[in-house]
Amino acid sequence: MESHGAAGKIHVSEEFKHAVETVHAPSLRFIPRGEMEIKGKGKMKTYFLEKVQ
C-alpha cells in the first residue's frame, strides 16, 4: 500500500474500511481510490482515509 500512497494521505484497503467504518463511522470518511494492483495481493479496492472535522 505504501508504494501507491500519496504524501500526507492515509491509504487503506477495503478490508480495513469494512472493519473500521461501523465503529468509527461518524468521525471518518473514506474517499474511493478505485481498484489497483497491490504487490503480493493482486487487485484491491482502496481508499484514502480522512478525519471528519
PDB file of N, CA and C in Angstrom:
ATOM      1  N   MET A   1       0.824  -1.183   0.000  1.00  0.00           N
ATOM      2  CA  MET A   1       0.000   0.000   0.000  1.00  0.00           C
ATOM      3  C   MET A   1       0.876   1.257   0.000  1.00  0.00           C
ATOM      4  N   GLU A   2       2.012   1.180   0.646  1.00  0.00           N
ATOM      5  CA  GLU A   2       2.878   2.359   0.736  1.00  0.00           C
ATOM      6  C   GLU A   2       3.308   2.872  -0.636  1.00  0.00           C
ATOM      7  N   SER A   3       3.626   1.973  -1.531  1.00  0.00           N
ATOM      8  CA  SER A   3       4.121   2.398  -2.842  1.00  0.00           C
ATOM      9  C   SER A   3       3.046   3.079  -3.686  1.00  0.00           C
ATOM     10  N   HIS A   4       1.780   2.927  -3.334  1.00  0.00           N
ATOM     11  CA  HIS A   4       0.684   3.551  -4.081  1.00  0.00           C
ATOM     12  C   HIS A   4       0.087   4.742  -3.338  1.00  0.00           C
ATOM     13  N   GLY A   5       0.672   5.121  -2.232  1.00  0.00           N
ATOM     14  CA  GLY A   5       0.143   6.214  -1.418  1.00  0.00           C
ATOM     15  C   GLY A   5       0.448   7.583  -1.999  1.00  0.00           C
ATOM     16  N   ALA A   6       0.010   8.589  -1.289  1.00  0.00           N
ATOM     17  CA  ALA A   6       0.273   9.977  -1.663  1.00  0.00           C
ATOM     18  C   ALA A   6       0.713  10.722  -0.407  1.00  0.00           C
ATOM     19  N   ALA A   7       1.539  11.707  -0.588  1.00  0.00           N
ATOM     20  CA  ALA A   7       2.056  12.469   0.547  1.00  0.00           C
ATOM     21  C   ALA A   7       0.920  13.069   1.376  1.00  0.00           C
ATOM     22  N   GLY A   8       0.984  12.859   2.690  1.00  0.00           N
ATOM     23  CA  GLY A   8       0.005  13.433   3.599  1.00  0.00           C
ATOM     24  C   GLY A   8      -1.334  12.722   3.628  1.00  0.00           C
ATOM     25  N   LYS A   9      -1.450  11.569   2.978  1.00  0.00           N
ATOM     26  CA  LYS A   9      -2.710  10.827   2.929  1.00  0.00           C
ATOM     27  C   LYS A   9      -2.515   9.431   3.518  1.00  0.00           C
ATOM     28  N   ILE A  10      -3.592   8.894   4.064  1.00  0.00           N
ATOM     29  CA  ILE A  10      -3.568   7.534   4.602  1.00  0.00           C
ATOM     30  C   ILE A  10      -4.308   6.650   3.611  1.00  0.00           C
ATOM     31  N   HIS A  11      -3.625   5.665   3.076  1.00  0.00           N
ATOM     32  CA  HIS A  11      -4.142   4.777   2.045  1.00  0.00           C
ATOM     33  C   HIS A  11      -4.535   3.453   2.709  1.00  0.00           C
ATOM     34  N   VAL A  12      -5.810   3.041   2.576  1.00  0.00           N
ATOM     35  CA  VAL A  12      -6.269   1.826   3.255  1.00  0.00           C
ATOM     36  C   VAL A  12      -6.995   0.895   2.282  1.00  0.00           C
ATOM     37  N   SER A  13      -7.076  -0.365   2.670  1.00  0.00           N
ATOM     38  CA  SER A  13      -7.760  -1.365   1.861  1.00  0.00           C
ATOM     39  C   SER A  13      -9.261  -1.375   2.175  1.00  0.00           C
ATOM     40  N   GLU A  14     -10.010  -2.042   1.313  1.00  0.00           N
ATOM     41  CA  GLU A  14     -11.453  -2.187   1.541  1.00  0.00           C
ATOM     42  C   GLU A  14     -11.701  -3.023   2.802  1.00  0.00           C
ATOM     43  N   GLU A  15     -10.857  -3.997   3.056  1.00  0.00           N
ATOM     44  CA  GLU A  15     -10.974  -4.816   4.262  1.00  0.00           C
ATOM     45  C   GLU A  15     -10.856  -3.943   5.521  1.00  0.00           C
ATOM     46  N   PHE A  16      -9.894  -3.038   5.531  1.00  0.00           N
ATOM     47  CA  PHE A  16      -9.734  -2.108   6.660  1.00  0.00           C
ATOM     48  C   PHE A  16     -10.973  -1.220   6.789  1.00  0.00           C
ATOM     49  N   LYS A  17     -11.447  -0.711   5.672  1.00  0.00           N
ATOM     50  CA  LYS A  17     -12.636   0.152   5.663  1.00  0.00           C
ATOM     51  C   LYS A  17     -13.816  -0.549   6.330  1.00  0.00           C
ATOM     52  N   HIS A  18     -14.091  -1.781   5.933  1.00  0.00           N
ATOM     53  CA  HIS A  18     -15.217  -2.522   6.500  1.00  0.00           C
ATOM     54  C   HIS A  18     -15.025  -2.811   7.990  1.00  0.00           C
ATOM     55  N   ALA A  19     -13.794  -3.057   8.394  1.00  0.00           N
ATOM     56  CA  ALA A  19     -13.514  -3.364   9.798  1.00  0.00           C
ATOM     57  C   ALA A  19     -13.687  -2.149  10.700  1.00  0.00           C
ATOM     58  N   VAL A  20     -13.451  -0.960  10.177  1.00  0.00           N
ATOM     59  CA  VAL A  20     -13.423   0.254  10.995  1.00  0.00           C
ATOM     60  C   VAL A  20     -14.687   1.108  10.875  1.00  0.00           C
ATOM     61  N   GLU A  21     -15.331   1.106   9.715  1.00  0.00           N
ATOM     62  CA  GLU A  21     -16.402   2.070   9.470  1.00  0.00           C
ATOM     63  C   GLU A  21     -17.610   1.929  10.390  1.00  0.00           C
ATOM     64  N   THR A  22     -17.922   0.746  10.850  1.00  0.00           N
ATOM     65  CA  THR A  22     -19.087   0.594  11.723  1.00  0.00           C
ATOM     66  C   THR A  22     -18.819   1.121  13.128  1.00  0.00           C
ATOM     67  N   VAL A  23     -17.578   1.080  13.558  1.00  0.00           N
ATOM     68  CA  VAL A  23     -17.222   1.536  14.902  1.00  0.00           C
ATOM     69  C   VAL A  23     -16.973   3.045  14.932  1.00  0.00           C
ATOM     70  N   HIS A  24     -16.303   3.564  13.909  1.00  0.00           N
ATOM     71  CA  HIS A  24     -15.887   4.964  13.888  1.00  0.00           C
ATOM     72  C   HIS A  24     -16.560   5.764  12.771  1.00  0.00           C
ATOM     73  N   ALA A  25     -17.699   5.319  12.280  1.00  0.00           N
ATOM     74  CA  ALA A  25     -18.353   5.938  11.121  1.00  0.00           C
ATOM     75  C   ALA A  25     -18.523   7.449  11.214  1.00  0.00           C
ATOM     76  N   PRO A  26     -18.967   8.013  12.337  1.00  0.00           N
ATOM     77  CA  PRO A  26     -19.193   9.467  12.358  1.00  0.00           C
ATOM     78  C   PRO A  26     -17.910  10.298  12.246  1.00  0.00           C
ATOM     79  N   SER A  27     -16.781   9.740  12.620  1.00  0.00           N
ATOM     80  CA  SER A  27     -15.560  10.540  12.649  1.00  0.00           C
ATOM     81  C   SER A  27     -14.619  10.293  11.473  1.00  0.00           C
ATOM     82  N   LEU A  28     -14.951   9.355  10.592  1.00  0.00           N
ATOM     83  CA  LEU A  28     -14.070   9.037   9.471  1.00  0.00           C
ATOM     84  C   LEU A  28     -14.792   9.095   8.138  1.00  0.00           C
ATOM     85  N   ARG A  29     -14.030   9.441   7.112  1.00  0.00           N
ATOM     86  CA  ARG A  29     -14.566   9.455   5.748  1.00  0.00           C
ATOM     87  C   ARG A  29     -13.607   8.657   4.870  1.00  0.00           C
ATOM     88  N   PHE A  30     -14.152   7.817   4.008  1.00  0.00           N
ATOM     89  CA  PHE A  30     -13.344   7.008   3.099  1.00  0.00           C
ATOM     90  C   PHE A  30     -13.570   7.508   1.678  1.00  0.00           C
ATOM     91  N   ILE A  31     -12.511   7.992   1.048  1.00  0.00           N
ATOM     92  CA  ILE A  31     -12.573   8.521  -0.309  1.00  0.00           C
ATOM     93  C   ILE A  31     -12.135   7.410  -1.266  1.00  0.00           C
ATOM     94  N   PRO A  32     -13.039   6.927  -2.132  1.00  0.00           N
ATOM     95  CA  PRO A  32     -12.675   5.833  -3.050  1.00  0.00           C
ATOM     96  C   PRO A  32     -11.492   6.212  -3.937  1.00  0.00           C
ATOM     97  N   ARG A  33     -10.602   5.282  -4.073  1.00  0.00           N
ATOM     98  CA  ARG A  33      -9.412   5.481  -4.902  1.00  0.00           C
ATOM     99  C   ARG A  33      -9.470   4.583  -6.127  1.00  0.00           C
ATOM    100  N   GLY A  34     -10.388   3.610  -6.120  1.00  0.00           N
ATOM    101  CA  GLY A  34     -10.521   2.675  -7.228  1.00  0.00           C
ATOM    102  C   GLY A  34      -9.722   1.406  -6.999  1.00  0.00           C
ATOM    103  N   GLU A  35      -9.770   0.529  -7.991  1.00  0.00           N
ATOM    104  CA  GLU A  35      -9.019  -0.725  -7.897  1.00  0.00           C
ATOM    105  C   GLU A  35      -7.603  -0.502  -8.399  1.00  0.00           C
ATOM    106  N   MET A  36      -6.663  -1.123  -7.722  1.00  0.00           N
ATOM    107  CA  MET A  36      -5.278  -1.064  -8.178  1.00  0.00           C
ATOM    108  C   MET A  36      -4.573  -2.370  -7.839  1.00  0.00           C
ATOM    109  N   GLU A  37      -3.534  -2.634  -8.567  1.00  0.00           N
ATOM    110  CA  GLU A  37      -2.729  -3.837  -8.369  1.00  0.00           C
ATOM    111  C   GLU A  37      -1.795  -3.604  -7.188  1.00  0.00           C
ATOM    112  N   ILE A  38      -1.968  -4.385  -6.131  1.00  0.00           N
ATOM    113  CA  ILE A  38      -1.141  -4.278  -4.933  1.00  0.00           C
ATOM    114  C   ILE A  38      -0.189  -5.470  -4.896  1.00  0.00           C
ATOM    115  N   LYS A  39       1.090  -5.196  -4.791  1.00  0.00           N
ATOM    116  CA  LYS A  39       2.117  -6.235  -4.809  1.00  0.00           C
ATOM    117  C   LYS A  39       1.841  -7.280  -3.727  1.00  0.00           C
ATOM    118  N   GLY A  40       1.795  -8.543  -4.139  1.00  0.00           N
ATOM    119  CA  GLY A  40       1.576  -9.643  -3.218  1.00  0.00           C
ATOM    120  C   GLY A  40       0.116  -9.886  -2.875  1.00  0.00           C
ATOM    121  N   LYS A  41      -0.788  -9.019  -3.333  1.00  0.00           N
ATOM    122  CA  LYS A  41      -2.218  -9.144  -3.016  1.00  0.00           C
ATOM    123  C   LYS A  41      -3.090  -9.248  -4.253  1.00  0.00           C
ATOM    124  N   GLY A  42      -2.650  -8.678  -5.373  1.00  0.00           N
ATOM    125  CA  GLY A  42      -3.468  -8.636  -6.581  1.00  0.00           C
ATOM    126  C   GLY A  42      -4.296  -7.358  -6.612  1.00  0.00           C
ATOM    127  N   LYS A  43      -5.397  -7.374  -7.388  1.00  0.00           N
ATOM    128  CA  LYS A  43      -6.252  -6.191  -7.493  1.00  0.00           C
ATOM    129  C   LYS A  43      -7.066  -6.016  -6.224  1.00  0.00           C
ATOM    130  N   MET A  44      -7.054  -4.788  -5.713  1.00  0.00           N
ATOM    131  CA  MET A  44      -7.799  -4.473  -4.492  1.00  0.00           C
ATOM    132  C   MET A  44      -8.454  -3.104  -4.634  1.00  0.00           C
ATOM    133  N   LYS A  45      -9.650  -2.958  -4.040  1.00  0.00           N
ATOM    134  CA  LYS A  45     -10.267  -1.642  -3.933  1.00  0.00           C
ATOM    135  C   LYS A  45      -9.584  -0.928  -2.780  1.00  0.00           C
ATOM    136  N   THR A  46      -9.228   0.324  -3.004  1.00  0.00           N
ATOM    137  CA  THR A  46      -8.537   1.077  -1.965  1.00  0.00           C
ATOM    138  C   THR A  46      -9.193   2.440  -1.756  1.00  0.00           C
ATOM    139  N   TYR A  47      -8.854   3.057  -0.622  1.00  0.00           N
ATOM    140  CA  TYR A  47      -9.469   4.311  -0.205  1.00  0.00           C
ATOM    141  C   TYR A  47      -8.424   5.186   0.467  1.00  0.00           C
ATOM    142  N   PHE A  48      -8.662   6.500   0.435  1.00  0.00           N
ATOM    143  CA  PHE A  48      -7.927   7.417   1.285  1.00  0.00           C
ATOM    144  C   PHE A  48      -8.796   7.635   2.508  1.00  0.00           C
ATOM    145  N   LEU A  49      -8.177   7.656   3.665  1.00  0.00           N
ATOM    146  CA  LEU A  49      -8.875   7.844   4.931  1.00  0.00           C
ATOM    147  C   LEU A  49      -8.716   9.282   5.384  1.00  0.00           C
ATOM    148  N   GLU A  50      -9.829   9.923   5.733  1.00  0.00           N
ATOM    149  CA  GLU A  50      -9.793  11.290   6.228  1.00  0.00           C
ATOM    150  C   GLU A  50     -10.608  11.375   7.518  1.00  0.00           C
ATOM    151  N   LYS A  51     -10.197  12.262   8.395  1.00  0.00           N
ATOM    152  CA  LYS A  51     -10.947  12.517   9.613  1.00  0.00           C
ATOM    153  C   LYS A  51     -11.978  13.600   9.328  1.00  0.00           C
ATOM    154  N   VAL A  52     -13.223  13.353   9.714  1.00  0.00           N
ATOM    155  CA  VAL A  52     -14.276  14.346   9.556  1.00  0.00           C
ATOM    156  C   VAL A  52     -14.115  15.362  10.647  1.00  0.00           C
ATOM    157  N   GLN A  53     -14.134  16.635  10.294  1.00  0.00           N
ATOM    158  CA  GLN A  53     -13.903  17.691  11.284  1.00  0.00           C
ATOM    159  C   GLN A  53     -15.181  18.320  11.738  1.00  0.00           C
TER     160      GLN A  53
END
